[in-house]
Amino acid sequence: MNTEIQDPMVDTRPEPVTATKSAFSPTLKGVLIGAVAGSVLPVFGTFSGAIIGGVAGKVYEKKYQNKCHAK
């Protein structure tokens, strides 16, 4: 049983978190992640992983940009 009395003047709701813009583009992030994955995985090389990651980042960027402008 909760017997505490809450002060109505105190707002206990958490403040909303706003998204911050990243300093790196999704394409650059894709290139970096692809290069790291390419150096670890034996199937891809570092360079080919970077190319695949860059293309995937560019596709993601275009898809995300279209969703933002649709609102």
PDB file of N, CA and C in Angstrom:
ATOM      1  N   MET A   1       0.843  -1.161   0.000  1.00  0.00           N
ATOM      2  CA  MET A   1       0.000   0.000   0.000  1.00  0.00           C
ATOM      3  C   MET A   1       0.895   1.233   0.000  1.00  0.00           C
ATOM      4  N   ASN A   2       0.615   2.156  -0.864  1.00  0.00           N
ATOM      5  CA  ASN A   2       1.419   3.357  -0.993  1.00  0.00           C
ATOM      6  C   ASN A   2       0.747   4.478  -0.195  1.00  0.00           C
ATOM      7  N   THR A   3       1.413   4.895   0.881  1.00  0.00           N
ATOM      8  CA  THR A   3       0.828   5.933   1.735  1.00  0.00           C
ATOM      9  C   THR A   3       1.520   7.280   1.570  1.00  0.00           C
ATOM     10  N   GLU A   4       2.454   7.348   0.615  1.00  0.00           N
ATOM     11  CA  GLU A   4       3.162   8.616   0.404  1.00  0.00           C
ATOM     12  C   GLU A   4       2.240   9.618  -0.287  1.00  0.00           C
ATOM     13  N   ILE A   5       2.350  10.851   0.102  1.00  0.00           N
ATOM     14  CA  ILE A   5       1.576  11.921  -0.521  1.00  0.00           C
ATOM     15  C   ILE A   5       2.496  12.650  -1.492  1.00  0.00           C
ATOM     16  N   GLN A   6       2.083  12.708  -2.763  1.00  0.00           N
ATOM     17  CA  GLN A   6       2.909  13.369  -3.765  1.00  0.00           C
ATOM     18  C   GLN A   6       2.503  14.831  -3.883  1.00  0.00           C
ATOM     19  N   ASP A   7       3.518  15.660  -4.051  1.00  0.00           N
ATOM     20  CA  ASP A   7       3.291  17.094  -4.226  1.00  0.00           C
ATOM     21  C   ASP A   7       2.775  17.340  -5.641  1.00  0.00           C
ATOM     22  N   PRO A   8       1.598  17.934  -5.816  1.00  0.00           N
ATOM     23  CA  PRO A   8       1.069  18.155  -7.165  1.00  0.00           C
ATOM     24  C   PRO A   8       1.870  19.177  -7.969  1.00  0.00           C
ATOM     25  N   MET A   9       2.720  19.950  -7.316  1.00  0.00           N
ATOM     26  CA  MET A   9       3.509  20.963  -8.026  1.00  0.00           C
ATOM     27  C   MET A   9       4.779  20.367  -8.649  1.00  0.00           C
ATOM     28  N   VAL A  10       5.129  19.137  -8.278  1.00  0.00           N
ATOM     29  CA  VAL A  10       6.341  18.507  -8.795  1.00  0.00           C
ATOM     30  C   VAL A  10       5.954  17.621  -9.970  1.00  0.00           C
ATOM     31  N   ASP A  11       6.563  17.892 -11.122  1.00  0.00           N
ATOM     32  CA  ASP A  11       6.295  17.102 -12.325  1.00  0.00           C
ATOM     33  C   ASP A  11       7.292  15.956 -12.370  1.00  0.00           C
ATOM     34  N   THR A  12       6.820  14.734 -12.301  1.00  0.00           N
ATOM     35  CA  THR A  12       7.716  13.576 -12.272  1.00  0.00           C
ATOM     36  C   THR A  12       7.831  12.897 -13.628  1.00  0.00           C
ATOM     37  N   ARG A  13       7.205  13.449 -14.655  1.00  0.00           N
ATOM     38  CA  ARG A  13       7.317  12.854 -15.989  1.00  0.00           C
ATOM     39  C   ARG A  13       8.712  13.097 -16.548  1.00  0.00           C
ATOM     40  N   PRO A  14       9.277  12.097 -17.239  1.00  0.00           N
ATOM     41  CA  PRO A  14      10.599  12.312 -17.848  1.00  0.00           C
ATOM     42  C   PRO A  14      10.498  13.263 -19.034  1.00  0.00           C
ATOM     43  N   GLU A  15      11.556  14.020 -19.246  1.00  0.00           N
ATOM     44  CA  GLU A  15      11.580  14.946 -20.371  1.00  0.00           C
ATOM     45  C   GLU A  15      11.754  14.163 -21.669  1.00  0.00           C
ATOM     46  N   PRO A  16      11.101  14.583 -22.751  1.00  0.00           N
ATOM     47  CA  PRO A  16      11.241  13.857 -24.015  1.00  0.00           C
ATOM     48  C   PRO A  16      12.663  13.988 -24.557  1.00  0.00           C
ATOM     49  N   VAL A  17      13.131  12.920 -25.167  1.00  0.00           N
ATOM     50  CA  VAL A  17      14.475  12.896 -25.740  1.00  0.00           C
ATOM     51  C   VAL A  17      14.372  13.301 -27.200  1.00  0.00           C
ATOM     52  N   THR A  18      15.149  14.292 -27.580  1.00  0.00           N
ATOM     53  CA  THR A  18      15.147  14.724 -28.975  1.00  0.00           C
ATOM     54  C   THR A  18      16.323  14.083 -29.694  1.00  0.00           C
ATOM     55  N   ALA A  19      16.114  13.730 -30.936  1.00  0.00           N
ATOM     56  CA  ALA A  19      17.162  13.106 -31.726  1.00  0.00           C
ATOM     57  C   ALA A  19      18.172  14.164 -32.158  1.00  0.00           C
ATOM     58  N   THR A  20      19.445  13.821 -32.063  1.00  0.00           N
ATOM     59  CA  THR A  20      20.490  14.738 -32.507  1.00  0.00           C
ATOM     60  C   THR A  20      21.014  14.266 -33.854  1.00  0.00           C
ATOM     61  N   LYS A  21      21.411  15.197 -34.673  1.00  0.00           N
ATOM     62  CA  LYS A  21      21.931  14.861 -35.992  1.00  0.00           C
ATOM     63  C   LYS A  21      23.373  14.397 -35.851  1.00  0.00           C
ATOM     64  N   SER A  22      23.671  13.297 -36.506  1.00  0.00           N
ATOM     65  CA  SER A  22      25.007  12.718 -36.452  1.00  0.00           C
ATOM     66  C   SER A  22      25.973  13.557 -37.293  1.00  0.00           C
ATOM     67  N   ALA A  23      27.222  13.553 -36.889  1.00  0.00           N
ATOM     68  CA  ALA A  23      28.238  14.271 -37.642  1.00  0.00           C
ATOM     69  C   ALA A  23      28.633  13.510 -38.903  1.00  0.00           C
ATOM     70  N   PHE A  24      28.300  12.210 -38.973  1.00  0.00           N
ATOM     71  CA  PHE A  24      28.670  11.378 -40.106  1.00  0.00           C
ATOM     72  C   PHE A  24      27.437  10.983 -40.898  1.00  0.00           C
ATOM     73  N   SER A  25      27.557  10.970 -42.198  1.00  0.00           N
ATOM     74  CA  SER A  25      26.436  10.576 -43.050  1.00  0.00           C
ATOM     75  C   SER A  25      26.260   9.059 -42.985  1.00  0.00           C
ATOM     76  N   PRO A  26      25.062   8.571 -43.311  1.00  0.00           N
ATOM     77  CA  PRO A  26      24.860   7.117 -43.338  1.00  0.00           C
ATOM     78  C   PRO A  26      25.775   6.412 -44.333  1.00  0.00           C
ATOM     79  N   THR A  27      26.137   7.102 -45.424  1.00  0.00           N
ATOM     80  CA  THR A  27      27.040   6.506 -46.405  1.00  0.00           C
ATOM     81  C   THR A  27      28.419   6.287 -45.797  1.00  0.00           C
ATOM     82  N   LEU A  28      28.922   7.280 -45.085  1.00  0.00           N
ATOM     83  CA  LEU A  28      30.232   7.150 -44.455  1.00  0.00           C
ATOM     84  C   LEU A  28      30.216   6.075 -43.373  1.00  0.00           C
ATOM     85  N   LYS A  29      29.147   6.028 -42.598  1.00  0.00           N
ATOM     86  CA  LYS A  29      29.025   4.974 -41.590  1.00  0.00           C
ATOM     87  C   LYS A  29      29.017   3.602 -42.240  1.00  0.00           C
ATOM     88  N   GLY A  30      28.289   3.480 -43.368  1.00  0.00           N
ATOM     89  CA  GLY A  30      28.246   2.209 -44.088  1.00  0.00           C
ATOM     90  C   GLY A  30      29.607   1.800 -44.603  1.00  0.00           C
ATOM     91  N   VAL A  31      30.369   2.761 -45.102  1.00  0.00           N
ATOM     92  CA  VAL A  31      31.717   2.473 -45.596  1.00  0.00           C
ATOM     93  C   VAL A  31      32.604   1.974 -44.461  1.00  0.00           C
ATOM     94  N   LEU A  32      32.537   2.648 -43.320  1.00  0.00           N
ATOM     95  CA  LEU A  32      33.380   2.243 -42.185  1.00  0.00           C
ATOM     96  C   LEU A  32      32.986   0.872 -41.646  1.00  0.00           C
ATOM     97  N   ILE A  33      31.693   0.653 -41.483  1.00  0.00           N
ATOM     98  CA  ILE A  33      31.233  -0.648 -40.985  1.00  0.00           C
ATOM     99  C   ILE A  33      31.561  -1.750 -41.989  1.00  0.00           C
ATOM    100  N   GLY A  34      31.361  -1.468 -43.274  1.00  0.00           N
ATOM    101  CA  GLY A  34      31.683  -2.451 -44.308  1.00  0.00           C
ATOM    102  C   GLY A  34      33.165  -2.769 -44.369  1.00  0.00           C
ATOM    103  N   ALA A  35      34.003  -1.766 -44.178  1.00  0.00           N
ATOM    104  CA  ALA A  35      35.448  -2.004 -44.195  1.00  0.00           C
ATOM    105  C   ALA A  35      35.874  -2.869 -43.010  1.00  0.00           C
ATOM    106  N   VAL A  36      35.315  -2.609 -41.852  1.00  0.00           N
ATOM    107  CA  VAL A  36      35.643  -3.421 -40.676  1.00  0.00           C
ATOM    108  C   VAL A  36      35.134  -4.846 -40.864  1.00  0.00           C
ATOM    109  N   ALA A  37      33.881  -4.964 -41.327  1.00  0.00           N
ATOM    110  CA  ALA A  37      33.324  -6.300 -41.550  1.00  0.00           C
ATOM    111  C   ALA A  37      34.107  -7.035 -42.635  1.00  0.00           C
ATOM    112  N   GLY A  38      34.526  -6.317 -43.671  1.00  0.00           N
ATOM    113  CA  GLY A  38      35.296  -6.940 -44.739  1.00  0.00           C
ATOM    114  C   GLY A  38      36.665  -7.406 -44.280  1.00  0.00           C
ATOM    115  N   SER A  39      37.243  -6.720 -43.326  1.00  0.00           N
ATOM    116  CA  SER A  39      38.547  -7.156 -42.829  1.00  0.00           C
ATOM    117  C   SER A  39      38.430  -8.354 -41.896  1.00  0.00           C
ATOM    118  N   VAL A  40      37.256  -8.531 -41.292  1.00  0.00           N
ATOM    119  CA  VAL A  40      37.056  -9.649 -40.364  1.00  0.00           C
ATOM    120  C   VAL A  40      36.554 -10.888 -41.090  1.00  0.00           C
ATOM    121  N   LEU A  41      35.589 -10.702 -42.000  1.00  0.00           N
ATOM    122  CA  LEU A  41      35.005 -11.841 -42.708  1.00  0.00           C
ATOM    123  C   LEU A  41      35.921 -12.287 -43.842  1.00  0.00           C
ATOM    124  N   PRO A  42      36.114 -13.598 -43.991  1.00  0.00           N
ATOM    125  CA  PRO A  42      37.016 -14.077 -45.047  1.00  0.00           C
ATOM    126  C   PRO A  42      36.418 -13.970 -46.460  1.00  0.00           C
ATOM    127  N   VAL A  43      35.105 -13.785 -46.573  1.00  0.00           N
ATOM    128  CA  VAL A  43      34.467 -13.731 -47.880  1.00  0.00           C
ATOM    129  C   VAL A  43      34.775 -12.412 -48.589  1.00  0.00           C
ATOM    130  N   PHE A  44      34.730 -11.313 -47.860  1.00  0.00           N
ATOM    131  CA  PHE A  44      34.963  -9.993 -48.434  1.00  0.00           C
ATOM    132  C   PHE A  44      36.339  -9.478 -48.034  1.00  0.00           C
ATOM    133  N   GLY A  45      36.886  -8.629 -48.867  1.00  0.00           N
ATOM    134  CA  GLY A  45      38.085  -7.900 -48.496  1.00  0.00           C
ATOM    135  C   GLY A  45      37.673  -6.566 -47.893  1.00  0.00           C
ATOM    136  N   THR A  46      38.641  -5.827 -47.389  1.00  0.00           N
ATOM    137  CA  THR A  46      38.341  -4.532 -46.785  1.00  0.00           C
ATOM    138  C   THR A  46      37.746  -3.569 -47.807  1.00  0.00           C
ATOM    139  N   PHE A  47      38.325  -3.551 -48.990  1.00  0.00           N
ATOM    140  CA  PHE A  47      37.859  -2.613 -50.014  1.00  0.00           C
ATOM    141  C   PHE A  47      36.460  -2.967 -50.513  1.00  0.00           C
ATOM    142  N   SER A  48      36.225  -4.248 -50.805  1.00  0.00           N
ATOM    143  CA  SER A  48      34.897  -4.636 -51.295  1.00  0.00           C
ATOM    144  C   SER A  48      33.842  -4.474 -50.203  1.00  0.00           C
ATOM    145  N   GLY A  49      34.201  -4.718 -48.954  1.00  0.00           N
ATOM    146  CA  GLY A  49      33.271  -4.485 -47.844  1.00  0.00           C
ATOM    147  C   GLY A  49      32.917  -3.015 -47.720  1.00  0.00           C
ATOM    148  N   ALA A  50      33.905  -2.148 -47.949  1.00  0.00           N
ATOM    149  CA  ALA A  50      33.662  -0.711 -47.885  1.00  0.00           C
ATOM    150  C   ALA A  50      32.730  -0.268 -49.012  1.00  0.00           C
ATOM    151  N   ILE A  51      32.911  -0.836 -50.203  1.00  0.00           N
ATOM    152  CA  ILE A  51      32.041  -0.484 -51.326  1.00  0.00           C
ATOM    153  C   ILE A  51      30.610  -0.937 -51.047  1.00  0.00           C
ATOM    154  N   ILE A  52      30.449  -2.177 -50.593  1.00  0.00           N
ATOM    155  CA  ILE A  52      29.113  -2.697 -50.292  1.00  0.00           C
ATOM    156  C   ILE A  52      28.463  -1.885 -49.175  1.00  0.00           C
ATOM    157  N   GLY A  53      29.226  -1.556 -48.141  1.00  0.00           N
ATOM    158  CA  GLY A  53      28.699  -0.745 -47.043  1.00  0.00           C
ATOM    159  C   GLY A  53      28.320   0.652 -47.488  1.00  0.00           C
ATOM    160  N   GLY A  54      29.100   1.236 -48.382  1.00  0.00           N
ATOM    161  CA  GLY A  54      28.787   2.570 -48.895  1.00  0.00           C
ATOM    162  C   GLY A  54      27.516   2.579 -49.718  1.00  0.00           C
ATOM    163  N   VAL A  55      27.337   1.556 -50.546  1.00  0.00           N
ATOM    164  CA  VAL A  55      26.111   1.456 -51.346  1.00  0.00           C
ATOM    165  C   VAL A  55      24.912   1.256 -50.428  1.00  0.00           C
ATOM    166  N   ALA A  56      25.058   0.381 -49.426  1.00  0.00           N
ATOM    167  CA  ALA A  56      23.952   0.147 -48.491  1.00  0.00           C
ATOM    168  C   ALA A  56      23.622   1.423 -47.708  1.00  0.00           C
ATOM    169  N   GLY A  57      24.634   2.173 -47.313  1.00  0.00           N
ATOM    170  CA  GLY A  57      24.408   3.431 -46.604  1.00  0.00           C
ATOM    171  C   GLY A  57      23.709   4.458 -47.476  1.00  0.00           C
ATOM    172  N   LYS A  58      24.067   4.496 -48.751  1.00  0.00           N
ATOM    173  CA  LYS A  58      23.428   5.441 -49.681  1.00  0.00           C
ATOM    174  C   LYS A  58      21.961   5.074 -49.897  1.00  0.00           C
ATOM    175  N   VAL A  59      21.671   3.771 -50.017  1.00  0.00           N
ATOM    176  CA  VAL A  59      20.286   3.321 -50.180  1.00  0.00           C
ATOM    177  C   VAL A  59      19.489   3.672 -48.928  1.00  0.00           C
ATOM    178  N   TYR A  60      20.066   3.422 -47.758  1.00  0.00           N
ATOM    179  CA  TYR A  60      19.393   3.749 -46.499  1.00  0.00           C
ATOM    180  C   TYR A  60      19.134   5.251 -46.405  1.00  0.00           C
ATOM    181  N   GLU A  61      20.117   6.046 -46.802  1.00  0.00           N
ATOM    182  CA  GLU A  61      19.975   7.501 -46.727  1.00  0.00           C
ATOM    183  C   GLU A  61      18.835   7.986 -47.624  1.00  0.00           C
ATOM    184  N   LYS A  62      18.745   7.469 -48.836  1.00  0.00           N
ATOM    185  CA  LYS A  62      17.677   7.877 -49.744  1.00  0.00           C
ATOM    186  C   LYS A  62      16.318   7.426 -49.220  1.00  0.00           C
ATOM    187  N   LYS A  63      16.246   6.222 -48.679  1.00  0.00           N
ATOM    188  CA  LYS A  63      14.982   5.708 -48.153  1.00  0.00           C
ATOM    189  C   LYS A  63      14.535   6.523 -46.943  1.00  0.00           C
ATOM    190  N   TYR A  64      15.439   6.838 -46.044  1.00  0.00           N
ATOM    191  CA  TYR A  64      15.121   7.600 -44.855  1.00  0.00           C
ATOM    192  C   TYR A  64      14.736   9.034 -45.218  1.00  0.00           C
ATOM    193  N   GLN A  65      15.410   9.610 -46.185  1.00  0.00           N
ATOM    194  CA  GLN A  65      15.128  10.974 -46.608  1.00  0.00           C
ATOM    195  C   GLN A  65      13.718  11.073 -47.198  1.00  0.00           C
ATOM    196  N   ASN A  66      13.309  10.085 -47.946  1.00  0.00           N
ATOM    197  CA  ASN A  66      11.963  10.079 -48.529  1.00  0.00           C
ATOM    198  C   ASN A  66      10.902   9.968 -47.441  1.00  0.00           C
ATOM    199  N   LYS A  67      11.146   9.197 -46.394  1.00  0.00           N
ATOM    200  CA  LYS A  67      10.185   9.068 -45.299  1.00  0.00           C
ATOM    201  C   LYS A  67      10.052  10.377 -44.534  1.00  0.00           C
ATOM    202  N   CYS A  68      11.140  11.097 -44.346  1.00  0.00           N
ATOM    203  CA  CYS A  68      11.099  12.344 -43.602  1.00  0.00           C
ATOM    204  C   CYS A  68      10.329  13.414 -44.354  1.00  0.00           C
ATOM    205  N   HIS A  69      10.478  13.472 -45.661  1.00  0.00           N
ATOM    206  CA  HIS A  69       9.806  14.499 -46.442  1.00  0.00           C
ATOM    207  C   HIS A  69       8.350  14.161 -46.727  1.00  0.00           C
ATOM    208  N   ALA A  70       7.944  12.921 -46.457  1.00  0.00           N
ATOM    209  CA  ALA A  70       6.563  12.517 -46.711  1.00  0.00           C
ATOM    210  C   ALA A  70       5.615  13.059 -45.659  1.00  0.00           C
ATOM    211  N   LYS A  71       6.136  13.430 -44.487  1.00  0.00           N
ATOM    212  CA  LYS A  71       5.270  13.894 -43.390  1.00  0.00           C
ATOM    213  C   LYS A  71       4.667  15.220 -43.664  1.00  0.00           C
TER     214      LYS A  71
END
